[in-house]
N, C-alpha and C. Protein backbone atom coordinates (compact mmCIF):
# COMPACT_ATOMS: atom_id res chain seq x y z
N MET A 1 -27.73 7.83 10.70
CA MET A 1 -28.03 6.50 10.23
C MET A 1 -27.57 6.29 8.80
N LYS A 2 -27.76 7.28 7.95
CA LYS A 2 -27.33 7.15 6.56
C LYS A 2 -25.82 6.97 6.46
N ARG A 3 -25.07 7.67 7.28
CA ARG A 3 -23.61 7.54 7.26
C ARG A 3 -23.17 6.11 7.55
N PHE A 4 -23.76 5.51 8.57
CA PHE A 4 -23.41 4.14 8.92
C PHE A 4 -23.69 3.20 7.76
N PHE A 5 -24.82 3.40 7.12
CA PHE A 5 -25.21 2.56 6.00
C PHE A 5 -24.19 2.65 4.86
N VAL A 6 -23.75 3.85 4.55
CA VAL A 6 -22.77 4.06 3.49
C VAL A 6 -21.46 3.37 3.85
N LEU A 7 -21.01 3.50 5.10
CA LEU A 7 -19.78 2.85 5.51
C LEU A 7 -19.91 1.33 5.45
N LEU A 8 -21.07 0.82 5.83
CA LEU A 8 -21.31 -0.61 5.78
C LEU A 8 -21.23 -1.12 4.34
N ILE A 9 -21.84 -0.42 3.42
CA ILE A 9 -21.78 -0.80 2.00
C ILE A 9 -20.33 -0.81 1.54
N GLY A 10 -19.56 0.21 1.91
CA GLY A 10 -18.15 0.27 1.54
C GLY A 10 -17.36 -0.89 2.09
N THR A 11 -17.65 -1.27 3.32
CA THR A 11 -16.97 -2.40 3.94
C THR A 11 -17.30 -3.69 3.20
N ILE A 12 -18.55 -3.86 2.83
CA ILE A 12 -18.95 -5.06 2.10
C ILE A 12 -18.22 -5.12 0.76
N SER A 13 -18.13 -3.99 0.06
CA SER A 13 -17.45 -4.00 -1.24
C SER A 13 -15.96 -4.30 -1.06
N LEU A 14 -15.37 -3.84 0.03
CA LEU A 14 -13.97 -4.16 0.29
C LEU A 14 -13.79 -5.63 0.60
N LEU A 15 -14.71 -6.19 1.35
CA LEU A 15 -14.62 -7.61 1.70
C LEU A 15 -14.66 -8.48 0.45
N SER A 16 -15.40 -8.05 -0.55
CA SER A 16 -15.47 -8.83 -1.78
C SER A 16 -14.24 -8.61 -2.65
N ALA A 17 -13.34 -7.70 -2.26
CA ALA A 17 -12.15 -7.41 -3.05
C ALA A 17 -11.13 -8.54 -2.99
N ALA A 18 -11.10 -9.28 -1.88
CA ALA A 18 -10.13 -10.37 -1.76
C ALA A 18 -10.35 -11.39 -2.86
N ASN A 19 -9.26 -11.87 -3.42
CA ASN A 19 -9.23 -12.85 -4.50
C ASN A 19 -9.71 -12.30 -5.85
N GLN A 20 -9.90 -11.01 -5.95
CA GLN A 20 -10.19 -10.39 -7.24
C GLN A 20 -8.89 -9.90 -7.83
N VAL A 21 -8.88 -9.74 -9.14
CA VAL A 21 -7.70 -9.18 -9.79
C VAL A 21 -7.59 -7.71 -9.41
N ALA A 22 -6.38 -7.32 -9.03
CA ALA A 22 -6.15 -5.93 -8.63
C ALA A 22 -6.28 -5.02 -9.85
N PRO A 23 -7.01 -3.93 -9.74
CA PRO A 23 -7.09 -2.99 -10.87
C PRO A 23 -5.69 -2.49 -11.22
N ASP A 24 -5.37 -2.55 -12.49
CA ASP A 24 -4.05 -2.11 -12.95
C ASP A 24 -4.01 -0.58 -13.01
N PHE A 25 -2.84 -0.04 -12.78
CA PHE A 25 -2.67 1.40 -12.85
C PHE A 25 -1.23 1.73 -13.20
N THR A 26 -1.04 2.95 -13.64
CA THR A 26 0.29 3.49 -13.89
C THR A 26 0.35 4.84 -13.20
N LEU A 27 1.36 5.02 -12.34
CA LEU A 27 1.57 6.28 -11.63
C LEU A 27 3.06 6.63 -11.66
N LYS A 28 3.35 7.90 -11.42
CA LYS A 28 4.74 8.34 -11.33
C LYS A 28 5.11 8.53 -9.87
N ASP A 29 6.41 8.34 -9.59
CA ASP A 29 6.91 8.58 -8.24
C ASP A 29 7.39 10.03 -8.12
N LEU A 30 7.95 10.35 -6.99
CA LEU A 30 8.39 11.72 -6.72
C LEU A 30 9.49 12.20 -7.66
N LYS A 31 10.20 11.26 -8.28
CA LYS A 31 11.29 11.61 -9.20
C LYS A 31 10.85 11.55 -10.66
N GLY A 32 9.58 11.21 -10.89
CA GLY A 32 9.07 11.15 -12.25
C GLY A 32 9.15 9.79 -12.91
N LYS A 33 9.66 8.78 -12.18
CA LYS A 33 9.73 7.42 -12.72
C LYS A 33 8.32 6.82 -12.74
N THR A 34 8.00 6.13 -13.83
CA THR A 34 6.68 5.53 -14.00
C THR A 34 6.66 4.09 -13.51
N TYR A 35 5.60 3.74 -12.78
CA TYR A 35 5.37 2.38 -12.27
C TYR A 35 4.02 1.90 -12.76
N THR A 36 3.97 0.68 -13.30
CA THR A 36 2.73 0.05 -13.71
C THR A 36 2.57 -1.21 -12.87
N LEU A 37 1.45 -1.32 -12.19
CA LEU A 37 1.25 -2.42 -11.25
C LEU A 37 1.44 -3.78 -11.90
N SER A 38 0.85 -4.00 -13.07
CA SER A 38 0.94 -5.33 -13.70
C SER A 38 2.38 -5.71 -14.03
N ASN A 39 3.24 -4.76 -14.28
CA ASN A 39 4.66 -5.06 -14.51
C ASN A 39 5.34 -5.50 -13.21
N LEU A 40 4.88 -4.97 -12.10
CA LEU A 40 5.47 -5.31 -10.80
C LEU A 40 5.03 -6.68 -10.35
N TRP A 41 3.71 -6.95 -10.35
CA TRP A 41 3.22 -8.22 -9.82
C TRP A 41 3.68 -9.40 -10.65
N SER A 42 4.05 -9.17 -11.89
CA SER A 42 4.53 -10.29 -12.71
C SER A 42 5.89 -10.77 -12.24
N GLU A 43 6.59 -9.96 -11.43
CA GLU A 43 7.91 -10.32 -10.93
C GLU A 43 7.88 -10.86 -9.50
N LYS A 44 7.11 -10.20 -8.63
CA LYS A 44 7.06 -10.59 -7.21
C LYS A 44 5.85 -9.93 -6.56
N PRO A 45 5.47 -10.39 -5.37
CA PRO A 45 4.30 -9.80 -4.69
C PRO A 45 4.47 -8.30 -4.48
N VAL A 46 3.33 -7.61 -4.40
CA VAL A 46 3.33 -6.16 -4.23
C VAL A 46 2.48 -5.79 -3.02
N VAL A 47 3.04 -4.99 -2.14
CA VAL A 47 2.29 -4.40 -1.03
C VAL A 47 2.04 -2.95 -1.41
N ILE A 48 0.77 -2.57 -1.45
CA ILE A 48 0.37 -1.21 -1.81
C ILE A 48 -0.24 -0.56 -0.58
N ASP A 49 0.25 0.60 -0.22
CA ASP A 49 -0.30 1.31 0.94
C ASP A 49 -0.71 2.72 0.53
N PHE A 50 -1.98 3.04 0.70
CA PHE A 50 -2.50 4.38 0.41
C PHE A 50 -2.37 5.22 1.67
N TRP A 51 -1.91 6.47 1.51
CA TRP A 51 -1.67 7.33 2.67
C TRP A 51 -1.74 8.81 2.26
N ALA A 52 -1.66 9.68 3.27
CA ALA A 52 -1.61 11.13 3.06
C ALA A 52 -0.77 11.74 4.19
N ILE A 53 -0.22 12.92 3.96
CA ILE A 53 0.69 13.52 4.96
C ILE A 53 -0.03 13.91 6.25
N TRP A 54 -1.30 14.21 6.19
CA TRP A 54 -2.05 14.62 7.38
C TRP A 54 -2.43 13.44 8.28
N CYS A 55 -2.23 12.23 7.77
CA CYS A 55 -2.67 11.01 8.46
C CYS A 55 -1.55 10.46 9.34
N HIS A 56 -1.67 10.63 10.65
CA HIS A 56 -0.63 10.16 11.57
C HIS A 56 -0.53 8.64 11.61
N SER A 57 -1.67 7.97 11.53
CA SER A 57 -1.66 6.50 11.51
C SER A 57 -0.96 5.99 10.26
N CYS A 58 -1.05 6.73 9.18
CA CYS A 58 -0.39 6.32 7.93
C CYS A 58 1.12 6.26 8.13
N GLY A 59 1.67 7.23 8.83
CA GLY A 59 3.11 7.25 9.09
C GLY A 59 3.54 6.05 9.91
N ARG A 60 2.74 5.69 10.91
CA ARG A 60 3.07 4.52 11.74
C ARG A 60 2.98 3.24 10.91
N ALA A 61 1.95 3.14 10.08
CA ALA A 61 1.80 1.95 9.23
C ALA A 61 2.96 1.83 8.26
N LEU A 62 3.35 2.93 7.64
CA LEU A 62 4.47 2.89 6.68
C LEU A 62 5.79 2.56 7.36
N LYS A 63 5.94 3.00 8.60
CA LYS A 63 7.16 2.67 9.35
C LYS A 63 7.26 1.15 9.53
N GLU A 64 6.15 0.52 9.90
CA GLU A 64 6.14 -0.93 10.08
C GLU A 64 6.37 -1.66 8.75
N LEU A 65 5.76 -1.16 7.69
CA LEU A 65 5.94 -1.79 6.39
C LEU A 65 7.38 -1.65 5.91
N GLU A 66 7.99 -0.51 6.19
CA GLU A 66 9.39 -0.31 5.83
C GLU A 66 10.28 -1.30 6.60
N GLU A 67 9.98 -1.52 7.88
CA GLU A 67 10.74 -2.50 8.67
C GLU A 67 10.61 -3.89 8.06
N LEU A 68 9.40 -4.24 7.65
CA LEU A 68 9.16 -5.53 7.02
C LEU A 68 9.93 -5.65 5.71
N TRP A 69 9.91 -4.59 4.92
CA TRP A 69 10.62 -4.54 3.63
C TRP A 69 12.12 -4.70 3.85
N ASP A 70 12.64 -4.04 4.88
CA ASP A 70 14.06 -4.17 5.21
C ASP A 70 14.40 -5.60 5.65
N GLU A 71 13.49 -6.21 6.42
CA GLU A 71 13.69 -7.59 6.90
C GLU A 71 13.79 -8.58 5.74
N ALA A 72 13.02 -8.32 4.70
CA ALA A 72 12.98 -9.25 3.57
C ALA A 72 14.04 -8.90 2.53
N GLY A 73 14.51 -7.69 2.54
CA GLY A 73 15.39 -7.24 1.47
C GLY A 73 14.51 -6.75 0.33
N ASP A 74 14.89 -5.66 -0.26
CA ASP A 74 14.02 -5.02 -1.25
C ASP A 74 13.82 -5.84 -2.53
N SER A 75 14.52 -6.97 -2.66
CA SER A 75 14.35 -7.79 -3.86
C SER A 75 13.28 -8.88 -3.67
N SER A 76 12.71 -9.00 -2.47
CA SER A 76 11.75 -10.07 -2.18
C SER A 76 10.31 -9.73 -2.52
N PHE A 77 9.92 -8.48 -2.32
CA PHE A 77 8.59 -8.02 -2.69
C PHE A 77 8.66 -6.52 -2.93
N TYR A 78 7.70 -6.03 -3.67
CA TYR A 78 7.62 -4.59 -3.89
C TYR A 78 6.80 -3.95 -2.78
N LEU A 79 7.29 -2.87 -2.25
CA LEU A 79 6.52 -2.02 -1.35
C LEU A 79 6.36 -0.69 -2.05
N ILE A 80 5.13 -0.36 -2.37
CA ILE A 80 4.87 0.95 -2.97
C ILE A 80 3.82 1.66 -2.12
N SER A 81 4.08 2.91 -1.89
CA SER A 81 3.12 3.71 -1.15
C SER A 81 2.51 4.70 -2.13
N ILE A 82 1.23 4.92 -2.00
CA ILE A 82 0.53 5.83 -2.90
C ILE A 82 0.01 7.00 -2.08
N ASP A 83 0.60 8.16 -2.31
CA ASP A 83 0.17 9.37 -1.63
C ASP A 83 -1.02 9.97 -2.38
N VAL A 84 -2.07 10.30 -1.64
CA VAL A 84 -3.29 10.82 -2.25
C VAL A 84 -3.53 12.30 -1.93
N ASP A 85 -2.46 12.99 -1.51
CA ASP A 85 -2.59 14.42 -1.22
C ASP A 85 -2.81 15.22 -2.51
N ASN A 86 -3.33 16.43 -2.33
CA ASN A 86 -3.53 17.34 -3.45
C ASN A 86 -2.18 17.77 -4.02
N PRO A 87 -2.14 18.16 -5.30
CA PRO A 87 -0.88 18.57 -5.93
C PRO A 87 -0.16 19.69 -5.18
N SER A 88 -0.89 20.52 -4.48
CA SER A 88 -0.27 21.64 -3.74
C SER A 88 0.58 21.15 -2.56
N LYS A 89 0.44 19.90 -2.19
CA LYS A 89 1.17 19.34 -1.04
C LYS A 89 2.44 18.57 -1.44
N ILE A 90 2.75 18.52 -2.71
CA ILE A 90 3.87 17.69 -3.19
C ILE A 90 5.19 18.06 -2.51
N SER A 91 5.45 19.33 -2.30
CA SER A 91 6.71 19.72 -1.65
C SER A 91 6.75 19.20 -0.21
N ARG A 92 5.60 19.19 0.47
CA ARG A 92 5.55 18.65 1.83
C ARG A 92 5.74 17.13 1.82
N VAL A 93 5.20 16.47 0.81
CA VAL A 93 5.38 15.02 0.67
C VAL A 93 6.86 14.72 0.47
N LYS A 94 7.50 15.44 -0.44
CA LYS A 94 8.94 15.24 -0.70
C LYS A 94 9.75 15.45 0.57
N SER A 95 9.43 16.49 1.31
CA SER A 95 10.14 16.79 2.55
C SER A 95 9.97 15.66 3.58
N LEU A 96 8.75 15.17 3.71
CA LEU A 96 8.47 14.08 4.65
C LEU A 96 9.23 12.81 4.26
N VAL A 97 9.20 12.47 3.01
CA VAL A 97 9.88 11.26 2.52
C VAL A 97 11.38 11.38 2.78
N LYS A 98 11.93 12.56 2.51
CA LYS A 98 13.37 12.78 2.73
C LYS A 98 13.71 12.69 4.22
N SER A 99 12.90 13.31 5.07
CA SER A 99 13.18 13.31 6.51
C SER A 99 13.09 11.91 7.11
N ARG A 100 12.23 11.06 6.58
CA ARG A 100 12.08 9.70 7.09
C ARG A 100 13.04 8.71 6.42
N GLY A 101 13.68 9.16 5.36
CA GLY A 101 14.66 8.31 4.68
C GLY A 101 14.06 7.13 3.95
N TRP A 102 12.81 7.25 3.51
CA TRP A 102 12.15 6.15 2.82
C TRP A 102 12.85 5.86 1.50
N LYS A 103 13.15 4.60 1.26
CA LYS A 103 13.80 4.16 0.02
C LYS A 103 12.81 3.50 -0.94
N PHE A 104 11.65 3.11 -0.45
CA PHE A 104 10.64 2.49 -1.30
C PHE A 104 9.95 3.57 -2.14
N PRO A 105 9.37 3.18 -3.28
CA PRO A 105 8.73 4.17 -4.15
C PRO A 105 7.51 4.82 -3.50
N VAL A 106 7.44 6.12 -3.63
CA VAL A 106 6.27 6.89 -3.19
C VAL A 106 5.62 7.42 -4.47
N LEU A 107 4.48 6.83 -4.80
CA LEU A 107 3.77 7.21 -6.02
C LEU A 107 2.74 8.29 -5.72
N LEU A 108 2.46 9.11 -6.71
CA LEU A 108 1.56 10.23 -6.52
C LEU A 108 0.24 9.99 -7.24
N ASP A 109 -0.85 10.09 -6.47
CA ASP A 109 -2.20 9.93 -7.02
C ASP A 109 -3.01 11.17 -6.66
N SER A 110 -2.47 12.33 -7.03
CA SER A 110 -3.12 13.59 -6.65
C SER A 110 -4.47 13.77 -7.34
N GLN A 111 -4.70 13.08 -8.45
CA GLN A 111 -6.02 13.13 -9.12
C GLN A 111 -7.00 12.13 -8.50
N LYS A 112 -6.47 11.29 -7.61
CA LYS A 112 -7.25 10.30 -6.86
C LYS A 112 -7.94 9.25 -7.74
N LYS A 113 -7.42 9.03 -8.93
CA LYS A 113 -7.99 8.03 -9.83
C LYS A 113 -7.77 6.61 -9.29
N VAL A 114 -6.56 6.32 -8.81
CA VAL A 114 -6.27 4.98 -8.29
C VAL A 114 -7.00 4.77 -6.97
N LYS A 115 -7.05 5.81 -6.17
CA LYS A 115 -7.80 5.75 -4.90
C LYS A 115 -9.25 5.34 -5.18
N LEU A 116 -9.86 5.90 -6.20
CA LEU A 116 -11.24 5.56 -6.56
C LEU A 116 -11.33 4.13 -7.11
N MET A 117 -10.35 3.73 -7.93
CA MET A 117 -10.35 2.37 -8.48
C MET A 117 -10.33 1.33 -7.36
N TYR A 118 -9.62 1.64 -6.29
CA TYR A 118 -9.48 0.71 -5.17
C TYR A 118 -10.51 0.96 -4.07
N LYS A 119 -11.42 1.88 -4.31
CA LYS A 119 -12.50 2.18 -3.37
C LYS A 119 -11.97 2.52 -1.97
N VAL A 120 -10.88 3.29 -1.94
CA VAL A 120 -10.28 3.69 -0.67
C VAL A 120 -11.15 4.77 -0.04
N MET A 121 -11.68 4.46 1.14
CA MET A 121 -12.57 5.40 1.82
C MET A 121 -11.96 5.92 3.11
N ALA A 122 -10.89 5.30 3.58
CA ALA A 122 -10.22 5.73 4.81
C ALA A 122 -8.73 5.44 4.64
N LEU A 123 -7.94 6.18 5.37
CA LEU A 123 -6.49 6.01 5.31
C LEU A 123 -5.95 5.62 6.67
N PRO A 124 -4.91 4.81 6.70
CA PRO A 124 -4.30 4.13 5.57
C PRO A 124 -5.15 2.94 5.12
N THR A 125 -4.95 2.55 3.86
CA THR A 125 -5.55 1.33 3.33
C THR A 125 -4.44 0.57 2.62
N LEU A 126 -4.38 -0.72 2.90
CA LEU A 126 -3.29 -1.55 2.40
C LEU A 126 -3.85 -2.73 1.60
N TYR A 127 -3.17 -3.05 0.51
CA TYR A 127 -3.49 -4.23 -0.30
C TYR A 127 -2.22 -5.03 -0.51
N VAL A 128 -2.35 -6.36 -0.55
CA VAL A 128 -1.25 -7.24 -0.95
C VAL A 128 -1.73 -7.96 -2.21
N VAL A 129 -0.89 -7.87 -3.26
CA VAL A 129 -1.22 -8.46 -4.55
C VAL A 129 -0.20 -9.56 -4.84
N ASP A 130 -0.68 -10.74 -5.22
CA ASP A 130 0.24 -11.85 -5.51
C ASP A 130 0.77 -11.76 -6.94
N THR A 131 1.58 -12.74 -7.34
CA THR A 131 2.22 -12.69 -8.64
C THR A 131 1.30 -13.07 -9.80
N THR A 132 0.03 -13.35 -9.50
CA THR A 132 -0.96 -13.55 -10.56
C THR A 132 -1.85 -12.31 -10.68
N GLY A 133 -1.58 -11.31 -9.84
CA GLY A 133 -2.35 -10.07 -9.89
C GLY A 133 -3.59 -10.07 -9.03
N HIS A 134 -3.75 -11.09 -8.19
CA HIS A 134 -4.93 -11.17 -7.33
C HIS A 134 -4.67 -10.51 -5.98
N ILE A 135 -5.68 -9.84 -5.47
CA ILE A 135 -5.62 -9.27 -4.14
C ILE A 135 -5.78 -10.42 -3.15
N VAL A 136 -4.78 -10.61 -2.28
CA VAL A 136 -4.84 -11.71 -1.33
C VAL A 136 -5.03 -11.22 0.11
N TYR A 137 -4.90 -9.93 0.30
CA TYR A 137 -5.07 -9.36 1.65
C TYR A 137 -5.32 -7.88 1.51
N PHE A 138 -6.15 -7.35 2.39
CA PHE A 138 -6.31 -5.90 2.48
C PHE A 138 -6.71 -5.55 3.90
N ARG A 139 -6.48 -4.33 4.24
CA ARG A 139 -6.95 -3.82 5.53
C ARG A 139 -7.19 -2.32 5.39
N VAL A 140 -8.12 -1.86 6.19
CA VAL A 140 -8.43 -0.44 6.26
C VAL A 140 -8.07 0.02 7.65
N GLY A 141 -7.34 1.13 7.75
CA GLY A 141 -6.92 1.65 9.04
C GLY A 141 -5.59 1.07 9.47
N TYR A 142 -5.20 1.45 10.66
CA TYR A 142 -3.91 1.01 11.21
C TYR A 142 -4.14 0.20 12.47
N LYS A 143 -3.47 -0.94 12.55
CA LYS A 143 -3.51 -1.77 13.73
C LYS A 143 -2.06 -1.95 14.17
N PRO A 144 -1.69 -1.55 15.38
CA PRO A 144 -0.30 -1.70 15.81
C PRO A 144 0.21 -3.13 15.58
N ASN A 145 1.42 -3.21 15.10
CA ASN A 145 2.11 -4.46 14.82
C ASN A 145 1.42 -5.28 13.73
N GLU A 146 0.77 -4.58 12.82
CA GLU A 146 0.11 -5.24 11.68
C GLU A 146 1.12 -5.95 10.80
N LYS A 147 2.39 -5.56 10.91
CA LYS A 147 3.39 -6.19 10.04
C LYS A 147 3.45 -7.70 10.24
N LYS A 148 3.04 -8.19 11.42
CA LYS A 148 3.00 -9.65 11.64
C LYS A 148 1.99 -10.31 10.68
N ASP A 149 0.82 -9.68 10.53
CA ASP A 149 -0.20 -10.22 9.63
C ASP A 149 0.27 -10.17 8.18
N VAL A 150 0.86 -9.05 7.81
CA VAL A 150 1.35 -8.89 6.44
C VAL A 150 2.49 -9.88 6.18
N LYS A 151 3.34 -10.07 7.17
CA LYS A 151 4.46 -11.01 7.02
C LYS A 151 3.95 -12.43 6.78
N LYS A 152 2.91 -12.85 7.51
CA LYS A 152 2.33 -14.19 7.31
C LYS A 152 1.84 -14.36 5.87
N ILE A 153 1.19 -13.34 5.36
CA ILE A 153 0.69 -13.39 3.99
C ILE A 153 1.86 -13.49 3.01
N LEU A 154 2.89 -12.67 3.22
CA LEU A 154 4.05 -12.68 2.32
C LEU A 154 4.81 -14.01 2.39
N LEU A 155 4.88 -14.59 3.58
CA LEU A 155 5.51 -15.91 3.70
C LEU A 155 4.75 -16.95 2.86
N LYS A 156 3.43 -16.90 2.89
CA LYS A 156 2.61 -17.82 2.09
C LYS A 156 2.86 -17.61 0.60
N LEU A 157 3.27 -16.38 0.24
CA LEU A 157 3.54 -16.07 -1.17
C LEU A 157 4.99 -16.37 -1.56
N GLY A 158 5.74 -16.94 -0.61
CA GLY A 158 7.11 -17.35 -0.92
C GLY A 158 8.19 -16.33 -0.62
N VAL A 159 7.83 -15.24 0.02
CA VAL A 159 8.83 -14.23 0.37
C VAL A 159 9.70 -14.76 1.51
N LYS A 160 10.98 -14.61 1.37
CA LYS A 160 11.94 -15.05 2.41
C LYS A 160 12.37 -13.83 3.22
N PHE A 161 12.49 -14.03 4.53
CA PHE A 161 12.91 -12.97 5.42
C PHE A 161 14.24 -13.30 6.06
N LYS A 162 15.04 -12.27 6.25
CA LYS A 162 16.34 -12.44 6.92
C LYS A 162 16.08 -12.93 8.34
N GLY A 163 16.84 -13.92 8.78
CA GLY A 163 16.67 -14.43 10.14
C GLY A 163 15.51 -15.38 10.27
N GLY A 164 14.86 -15.76 9.18
CA GLY A 164 13.77 -16.73 9.25
C GLY A 164 12.46 -16.12 9.71
N VAL A 165 11.57 -16.95 10.22
CA VAL A 165 10.23 -16.54 10.65
C VAL A 165 10.27 -16.12 12.10
N LYS A 166 9.72 -14.97 12.41
CA LYS A 166 9.61 -14.49 13.80
C LYS A 166 8.21 -14.06 14.09
C-alpha cells in the first residue's frame, strides 16, 4: 500500500509540471561538448528524453523520437537524450549510440542531478519544452507510436515537418 501511495504522489507532482518553467541544467555529451537547456530553448523547442541502457522501452522510444527528428530536420527542434546510467557504463553507452547511429546529442547525467530536478521516477520519461522555457508536454513510460502525440505538440509550437502533417 505504501508503494502505491508514493507512486501516486509522484504522478501528481508530474501532472503539475505542465506549464511550469523547465529546470535549467548544463550537461556534457559523450564527446565532452557542453549543453545548457536555457540556451537551447531560446532558439527552438526542445524534446528531452531520459533513458538508460538497460531499459528496452527506452530504446524503442528513442527510435521513434529519432524518426520524428529526421522528419522535421535537425534544425526544427532540439532532441536531446539524457542517459542516467552509472559512470561505469559510459563505454556501453558509447557503443550503443554508435551501433544505432544516433546523431542527436546524448547527454550524461551519471550523478543523476538532472534526473532528480525533473523528478524522473521511471524510464523512459519525456519532456517537451517550448521557446519560453515552459514544459508543454511530458510522459512517463513508453507508448507505441507516441511520436504522433509528440508531433502534434511540436506542430502547435511551429515545427515544420517534411511532407506536411501525417
